[in-house]
Protein backbone atom coordinates (compact mmCIF):
# COMPACT_ATOMS: atom_id res chain seq x y z
CA MET A 1 0.00 0.00 0.00
CA LYS A 2 1.39 3.38 -1.06
CA VAL A 3 0.63 6.28 1.26
CA LEU A 4 1.28 9.99 0.69
CA HIS A 5 1.23 12.42 3.60
CA LEU A 6 0.64 16.02 2.51
CA PRO A 7 0.87 19.01 2.35
CA THR A 8 2.48 20.27 5.61
CA SER A 9 5.13 19.31 8.14
CA VAL A 10 3.35 20.91 11.13
CA GLY A 11 4.96 19.65 14.32
CA GLY A 12 6.92 16.98 12.45
CA ASN A 13 3.94 14.67 12.86
CA SER A 14 3.55 13.61 9.22
CA TRP A 15 7.23 12.61 9.03
CA GLY A 16 7.13 10.65 12.27
CA LEU A 17 3.95 8.87 11.25
CA ALA A 18 5.38 7.97 7.85
CA GLN A 19 8.44 6.43 9.50
CA GLY A 20 6.20 4.33 11.75
CA GLU A 21 4.14 3.22 8.77
CA LYS A 22 7.28 2.22 6.88
CA ALA A 23 8.31 0.08 9.85
CA LEU A 24 4.98 -1.74 9.47
CA GLY A 25 5.56 -2.40 5.80
CA LEU A 26 3.70 0.48 4.18
CA ASP A 27 5.29 2.55 1.42
CA SER A 28 4.83 5.98 3.01
CA THR A 29 6.08 9.27 1.58
CA VAL A 30 5.86 12.85 2.90
CA LEU A 31 5.23 15.75 0.51
CA ILE A 32 5.18 19.35 1.69
CA SER A 33 4.21 22.36 -0.37
CA GLN A 34 6.77 24.53 1.43
CA GLN A 35 9.28 24.32 4.26
CA ASN A 36 8.66 26.15 7.52
CA TRP A 37 11.27 27.71 9.77
CA LEU A 38 11.44 24.66 12.02
CA GLU A 39 12.82 22.67 9.08
CA TYR A 40 11.21 19.30 9.70
CA PRO A 41 12.26 16.69 7.11
CA ALA A 42 10.21 15.61 4.10
CA ASP A 43 10.72 13.38 1.07
CA ILE A 44 9.36 15.90 -1.44
CA ASN A 45 9.41 19.68 -0.99
CA LEU A 46 7.69 21.77 -3.68
CA ASN A 47 9.11 25.02 -2.24
CA ILE A 48 6.22 27.11 -3.50
CA GLN A 49 7.30 29.93 -1.18
CA LYS A 50 9.99 30.72 -3.76
CA ILE A 51 7.34 31.45 -6.40
CA LYS A 52 6.05 35.00 -6.02
CA PRO A 53 2.90 35.24 -8.17
CA LYS A 54 0.02 33.31 -6.60
CA ALA A 55 -0.95 32.06 -10.06
CA GLY A 56 2.51 30.53 -10.38
CA ARG A 57 2.12 28.72 -7.04
CA PHE A 58 -1.30 27.47 -8.06
CA LEU A 59 0.11 26.15 -11.34
CA LYS A 60 2.97 24.31 -9.60
CA LEU A 61 0.58 22.69 -7.13
CA ALA A 62 -1.82 21.76 -9.93
CA LEU A 63 1.00 20.09 -11.87
CA ALA A 64 2.12 18.28 -8.70
CA PHE A 65 -1.43 17.05 -8.15
CA MET A 66 -1.62 15.67 -11.69
CA ASN A 67 1.67 13.88 -11.04
CA ILE A 68 0.63 12.26 -7.74
CA ARG A 69 -3.08 11.57 -8.09
CA ASN A 70 -2.65 8.12 -9.63
CA LYS A 71 0.54 7.06 -7.82
CA TYR A 72 -0.79 6.43 -4.31
CA ASP A 73 -3.52 4.35 -2.70
CA VAL A 74 -3.92 6.60 0.36
CA PHE A 75 -3.71 10.38 0.64
CA HIS A 76 -3.38 11.52 4.25
CA PHE A 77 -3.82 15.28 4.64
CA ASN A 78 -2.44 17.27 7.55
CA PHE A 79 -3.50 20.46 9.27
CA GLY A 80 -6.96 20.26 7.74
CA SER A 81 -5.71 21.29 4.31
CA SER A 82 -5.29 19.57 0.97
CA LEU A 83 -2.56 20.19 -1.60
CA ILE A 84 -4.19 23.06 -3.48
CA HIS A 85 -5.31 25.24 -0.61
CA PHE A 86 -5.70 29.02 -1.00
CA PRO A 87 -8.39 29.98 1.52
CA ASN A 88 -7.92 33.72 1.05
CA SER A 89 -8.88 33.25 -2.61
CA HIS A 90 -11.78 30.91 -1.73
CA LEU A 91 -9.84 28.00 -3.21
CA ASN A 92 -9.55 25.96 -0.01
CA GLN A 93 -9.22 22.17 -0.42
CA PHE A 94 -9.62 22.84 -4.14
CA GLU A 95 -8.60 19.48 -5.63
CA LEU A 96 -10.49 17.17 -3.23
CA PRO A 97 -13.22 16.17 -5.73
CA PHE A 98 -10.64 15.23 -8.35
CA TYR A 99 -8.83 12.29 -6.73
CA PRO A 100 -9.47 8.87 -8.33
CA GLU A 101 -12.56 7.06 -7.09
CA ASN A 102 -10.50 4.20 -5.69
CA ALA A 103 -8.16 6.51 -3.72
CA LYS A 104 -8.69 6.60 0.03
CA LEU A 105 -8.53 10.05 1.64
CA PHE A 106 -7.89 10.78 5.33
CA VAL A 107 -7.16 13.93 7.31
CA THR A 108 -5.50 14.88 10.58
CA TYR A 109 -6.33 18.09 12.42
CA ASN A 110 -3.46 19.42 14.49
CA GLY A 111 -4.90 22.29 16.53
CA CYS A 112 -6.01 25.72 15.43
CA ASP A 113 -6.89 24.35 12.00
CA ILE A 114 -10.23 23.30 13.57
CA ARG A 115 -10.26 24.63 17.16
CA GLN A 116 -12.73 27.54 17.39
CA LYS A 117 -12.34 30.54 19.65
CA TYR A 118 -15.83 31.38 20.84
CA PRO A 119 -17.17 27.84 21.39
CA THR A 120 -13.97 27.10 23.34
CA MET A 121 -14.44 30.21 25.50
CA GLN A 122 -17.98 29.11 26.30
CA ARG A 123 -16.91 25.57 27.13
CA THR A 124 -13.98 26.25 29.47
CA GLN A 125 -12.62 29.06 31.63
CA ILE A 126 -8.99 28.15 30.93
CA ALA A 127 -7.95 28.34 27.28
CA ALA A 128 -5.64 30.32 25.05
CA CYS A 129 -8.78 31.49 23.25
CA HIS A 130 -9.54 33.84 26.15
CA ASN A 131 -6.43 35.86 25.23
CA SER A 132 -7.37 38.41 22.57
CA ASN A 133 -3.72 38.63 21.47
CA CYS A 134 -3.32 34.91 20.78
CA TYR A 135 -1.81 34.58 17.30
CA GLN A 136 -2.08 38.36 16.89
CA GLY A 137 -5.83 38.27 17.51
CA GLN A 138 -6.58 36.63 14.18
CA CYS A 139 -9.59 34.77 15.62
CA ASN A 140 -11.24 37.71 17.37
CA SER A 141 -13.64 38.62 14.56
CA GLY A 142 -15.13 35.13 14.46
CA HIS A 143 -14.36 34.90 10.75
CA LEU A 144 -11.84 32.11 11.26
CA ASP A 145 -14.28 30.12 13.40
CA ASN A 146 -16.68 30.11 10.48
CA TYR A 147 -13.93 29.39 7.95
CA ARG A 148 -12.89 26.30 9.92
CA ARG A 149 -16.47 25.02 10.07
CA VAL A 150 -16.93 25.54 6.32
CA GLY A 151 -13.59 23.87 5.61
CA LEU A 152 -14.63 20.82 7.61
CA GLN A 153 -17.93 20.66 5.73
CA LYS A 154 -15.94 20.55 2.51
CA MET A 155 -13.43 18.00 3.81
CA GLU A 156 -15.77 15.56 5.56
CA PRO A 157 -17.60 14.06 2.56
CA HIS A 158 -14.33 13.14 0.85
CA VAL A 159 -12.41 11.50 3.69
CA LYS A 160 -12.81 8.03 5.18
CA HIS A 161 -11.72 9.04 8.67
CA ILE A 162 -10.61 12.12 10.63
CA TRP A 163 -7.96 12.18 13.36
CA ALA A 164 -7.33 14.82 16.02
CA LEU A 165 -3.94 15.26 17.72
CA ASN A 166 -5.42 17.19 20.66
CA PRO A 167 -8.43 15.76 22.53
CA ASP A 168 -10.36 19.06 22.61
CA LEU A 169 -10.47 19.15 18.80
CA LEU A 170 -12.98 16.31 18.90
CA TYR A 171 -15.61 18.74 20.21
CA PHE A 172 -15.56 20.21 16.68
CA LEU A 173 -15.34 17.05 14.58
CA PRO A 174 -18.08 14.58 13.52
CA PRO A 175 -18.18 11.85 16.19
CA ASN A 176 -19.19 9.10 13.78
CA LYS A 177 -15.94 9.27 11.80
CA SER A 178 -13.37 10.97 14.08
CA SER A 179 -10.97 9.78 16.76
CA PHE A 180 -7.96 10.80 18.80
CA LEU A 181 -4.48 10.05 17.43
CA PRO A 182 -1.35 10.47 19.58
CA TYR A 183 1.51 12.53 18.20
CA SER A 184 3.86 10.40 16.13
CA LEU A 185 7.33 11.90 16.04
CA SER A 186 10.43 10.24 14.71
CA PHE A 187 12.56 9.11 17.64
CA ALA A 188 15.63 8.91 15.40
CA GLY A 189 18.46 10.96 16.90
CA ILE A 190 16.63 11.47 20.22
CA ASP A 191 18.63 9.74 22.91
CA LEU A 192 18.05 9.38 26.63
CA PHE A 193 19.36 12.38 28.55
CA SER A 194 18.14 11.94 32.11
CA PRO A 195 17.81 15.03 34.29
CA ARG A 196 20.94 15.88 36.26
CA LEU A 197 19.19 16.05 39.59
CA ASN A 198 22.42 15.97 41.59
CA ASN A 199 23.48 19.35 40.20
CA LYS A 200 22.88 22.31 42.48
CA LYS A 201 21.08 24.19 39.71
CA LEU A 202 18.16 22.79 37.77
CA LYS A 203 17.94 23.89 34.14
CA ILE A 204 14.32 24.74 33.37
CA VAL A 205 13.42 25.02 29.67
CA HIS A 206 10.33 26.62 28.14
CA ALA A 207 10.02 26.69 24.34
CA PRO A 208 6.87 28.47 23.16
CA THR A 209 6.06 28.63 19.45
CA ASN A 210 3.51 31.27 20.47
CA ARG A 211 3.65 32.84 23.93
CA GLU A 212 -0.04 33.66 24.17
CA ALA A 213 -1.11 30.15 23.16
CA LYS A 214 1.23 28.47 25.63
CA GLY A 215 0.49 30.75 28.59
CA SER A 216 4.07 32.02 28.69
CA THR A 217 3.11 35.18 30.56
CA TYR A 218 2.09 33.10 33.59
CA ILE A 219 5.06 30.74 33.24
CA LEU A 220 7.67 33.50 32.96
CA ALA A 221 6.10 35.44 35.85
CA ALA A 222 6.29 32.34 38.04
CA LEU A 223 9.91 31.75 37.06
CA GLU A 224 10.82 35.37 37.74
CA LYS A 225 9.22 35.16 41.17
CA LEU A 226 11.07 31.93 41.85
CA GLN A 227 14.38 33.48 40.84
CA GLN A 228 13.94 36.03 43.62
CA THR A 229 13.96 33.30 46.26
CA HIS A 230 15.66 30.31 44.59
CA ALA A 231 18.14 31.91 42.19
CA GLU A 232 20.99 29.67 43.29
CA TYR A 233 18.94 26.56 42.45
CA ILE A 234 17.51 27.32 39.00
CA GLU A 235 18.68 28.30 35.54
CA VAL A 236 15.96 29.39 33.13
CA CYS A 237 16.29 28.86 29.37
CA LEU A 238 13.70 30.28 26.94
CA VAL A 239 13.87 28.73 23.46
CA GLU A 240 12.25 30.70 20.64
CA ASN A 241 12.74 31.03 16.87
CA VAL A 242 15.28 28.20 16.82
CA PRO A 243 15.32 25.48 14.11
CA HIS A 244 14.16 22.11 15.35
CA ALA A 245 17.54 20.34 15.20
CA GLN A 246 19.19 23.09 17.23
CA ALA A 247 16.35 23.16 19.75
CA ILE A 248 16.73 19.41 20.35
CA GLU A 249 20.31 19.98 21.49
CA ILE A 250 19.08 22.53 24.05
CA TYR A 251 16.35 20.24 25.36
CA GLN A 252 18.95 17.56 26.01
CA GLN A 253 20.49 19.72 28.74
CA ALA A 254 17.18 20.40 30.53
CA ASP A 255 16.24 19.06 33.95
CA LEU A 256 12.62 20.21 33.74
CA ILE A 257 10.52 21.06 30.67
CA ILE A 258 7.54 23.43 30.77
CA ASP A 259 5.29 23.01 27.74
CA GLN A 260 2.01 24.92 28.08
CA ILE A 261 -0.59 25.67 30.76
CA LEU A 262 -3.62 26.79 28.74
CA ILE A 263 -4.41 24.41 25.87
CA GLY A 264 -5.22 21.36 27.97
CA TRP A 265 -2.89 18.91 26.24
CA TYR A 266 0.83 18.66 25.55
CA GLY A 267 2.56 19.21 22.22
CA GLY A 268 5.20 17.52 20.13
CA PHE A 269 7.85 19.41 22.10
CA ALA A 270 6.78 17.52 25.22
CA VAL A 271 6.81 14.18 23.39
CA GLU A 272 10.43 14.74 22.37
CA ALA A 273 11.31 15.77 25.92
CA MET A 274 9.69 12.67 27.39
CA GLN A 275 11.61 10.48 24.95
CA MET A 276 14.75 11.98 26.47
CA GLY A 277 13.46 11.06 29.93
CA LYS A 278 12.65 14.64 30.91
CA PRO A 279 9.86 15.51 33.37
CA VAL A 280 7.26 17.76 31.76
CA ILE A 281 4.89 20.37 33.17
CA ALA A 282 1.70 20.97 31.18
CA ARG A 283 -1.98 21.54 31.74
CA ILE A 284 -4.03 18.40 31.16
CA ALA A 285 -7.74 19.17 30.85
CA GLN A 286 -9.36 16.25 32.65
CA GLU A 287 -12.76 17.04 31.13
CA ASP A 288 -11.32 16.12 27.70
CA LEU A 289 -9.85 12.76 28.69
CA HIS A 290 -12.99 10.80 27.75
CA PHE A 291 -11.81 11.08 24.14
CA LEU A 292 -8.71 8.98 24.93
CA PRO A 293 -8.26 5.25 25.51
CA GLU A 294 -9.10 4.70 29.17
CA GLN A 295 -5.61 3.47 30.09
CA MET A 296 -3.91 6.38 28.32
CA ALA A 297 -6.13 8.83 30.19
CA SER A 298 -5.06 7.25 33.45
CA ASP A 299 -1.38 7.11 32.47
CA VAL A 300 -1.14 10.74 31.40
CA LEU A 301 -2.29 11.95 34.81
CA GLU A 302 0.51 9.92 36.38
CA THR A 303 3.09 11.19 33.89
CA ILE A 304 2.61 14.90 33.19
CA ILE A 305 3.11 17.34 36.07
CA ASN A 306 -0.22 19.12 35.84
CA ALA A 307 -0.33 22.91 36.20
CA ASP A 308 -2.52 25.84 35.22
CA PRO A 309 -2.24 29.65 35.47
CA ASN A 310 -3.52 29.57 39.05
CA ASN A 311 -0.91 27.20 40.48
CA ILE A 312 2.09 27.26 38.13
CA TYR A 313 4.36 29.01 40.65
CA GLU A 314 3.63 26.47 43.38
CA VAL A 315 4.07 23.54 41.02
CA ILE A 316 7.50 24.72 39.86
CA ARG A 317 8.56 25.57 43.40
CA GLN A 318 7.68 22.08 44.61
CA CYS A 319 9.68 20.56 41.76
CA VAL A 320 12.72 22.65 42.67
CA GLU A 321 12.50 21.90 46.37
CA ASP A 322 11.66 18.18 46.08
CA ARG A 323 13.66 16.55 43.33
CA LYS A 324 12.06 13.20 44.00
CA ILE A 325 9.07 14.58 42.10
CA LEU A 326 11.25 15.11 39.06
CA LEU A 327 12.77 11.65 39.31
CA GLN A 328 9.34 9.99 39.49
CA HIS A 329 8.04 11.90 36.50
CA SER A 330 11.23 11.33 34.54
CA VAL A 331 10.81 7.55 34.84
CA ALA A 332 7.08 7.77 34.11
CA ALA A 333 7.68 10.00 31.07
CA LEU A 334 9.92 7.49 29.34
CA GLN A 335 7.53 4.61 30.00
CA TYR A 336 4.55 6.67 28.82
CA VAL A 337 6.08 7.94 25.59
CA ASN A 338 7.39 4.50 24.63
CA LYS A 339 3.92 3.07 25.16
CA TRP A 340 1.62 5.68 23.66
CA HIS A 341 3.78 7.61 21.19
CA GLU A 342 5.99 4.86 19.81
CA PRO A 343 5.85 5.42 16.02
CA LYS A 344 4.89 1.84 15.16
CA TYR A 345 2.05 1.90 17.70
CA VAL A 346 0.62 5.13 16.30
CA ALA A 347 1.11 3.85 12.75
CA SER A 348 -0.84 0.71 13.63
CA LEU A 349 -3.86 2.95 14.30
CA THR A 350 -3.68 4.63 10.90
CA LYS A 351 -2.81 1.40 9.07
CA GLU A 352 -5.92 -0.27 10.48
CA LYS A 353 -8.11 2.52 9.12
CA TYR A 354 -6.33 2.58 5.75
CA GLU A 355 -6.97 -1.14 5.32
CA SER A 356 -10.51 -1.34 6.70
CA SER A 357 -12.03 1.76 5.09
């Protein structure tokens, strides 16, 4: 079975999933329309960002579509978008109706490609959506909420199944054909770097791709307060605008990782950290855990050090003062990630759908 993942490399998930699928015997390839600054790997990169006229980009994508449409059995879209996707020109998911009848189409939603601001604000009191500056306020008008709903309406009839990488996304997806899928990141090159808990200073790393979405204001305020009383015991490292390969080298030196405290789930950054054996702080929204396998829901509460804007200072302080907490969560993190995020395990979930749909 030949599988093509396209058209983005958001979070490195498509690459990691393809590697897991290859390990299970599938012929999986990753195509991206353009590279992002994090520089995740791909097999085919169309580099349309180098083409200035939009008509030229459209033409290159159209030619690429004609080249691939008959070469693969499965087309697995990422970030809720298809190959020819120009939403500002009302050409979103343009080529979906034109795949061969025997081709099987699937889609993964990663986050704010389907998450909607105002329904989220109504559902929960803690969310990045309450911050009007999140992603420069692009969702404030409500236009993007509607665009995401319309995009799903266009996508749903064409795909066999829909996956969500964050549990809360399933509030917005059709329950009869959607399910949770753990992040699948390539573990190649990620070795075990256990926290150095015998050192006097703990290195605490926070790496926000967007400060408002991750709750960085609360995290940095807590760390600043802690530095006033525990300066001799902590070293704070903020990682931003750094290519992925370089960021990995920084994470290796961390003793404690802080992911996010608003979204309610952890990101790919945390998965990589756990594979290194690092303890991770993140907010886990317990009201969303019914979307997960029951054992995974139980395991995550034992693994992630749970924190929110109201208690983040106390949580970090306890970790600094009682390093047994970090040791326990370091051991749990490695067991958890090797159970629930192992690429072949995640690939077994997609392979089953590819073959049964």
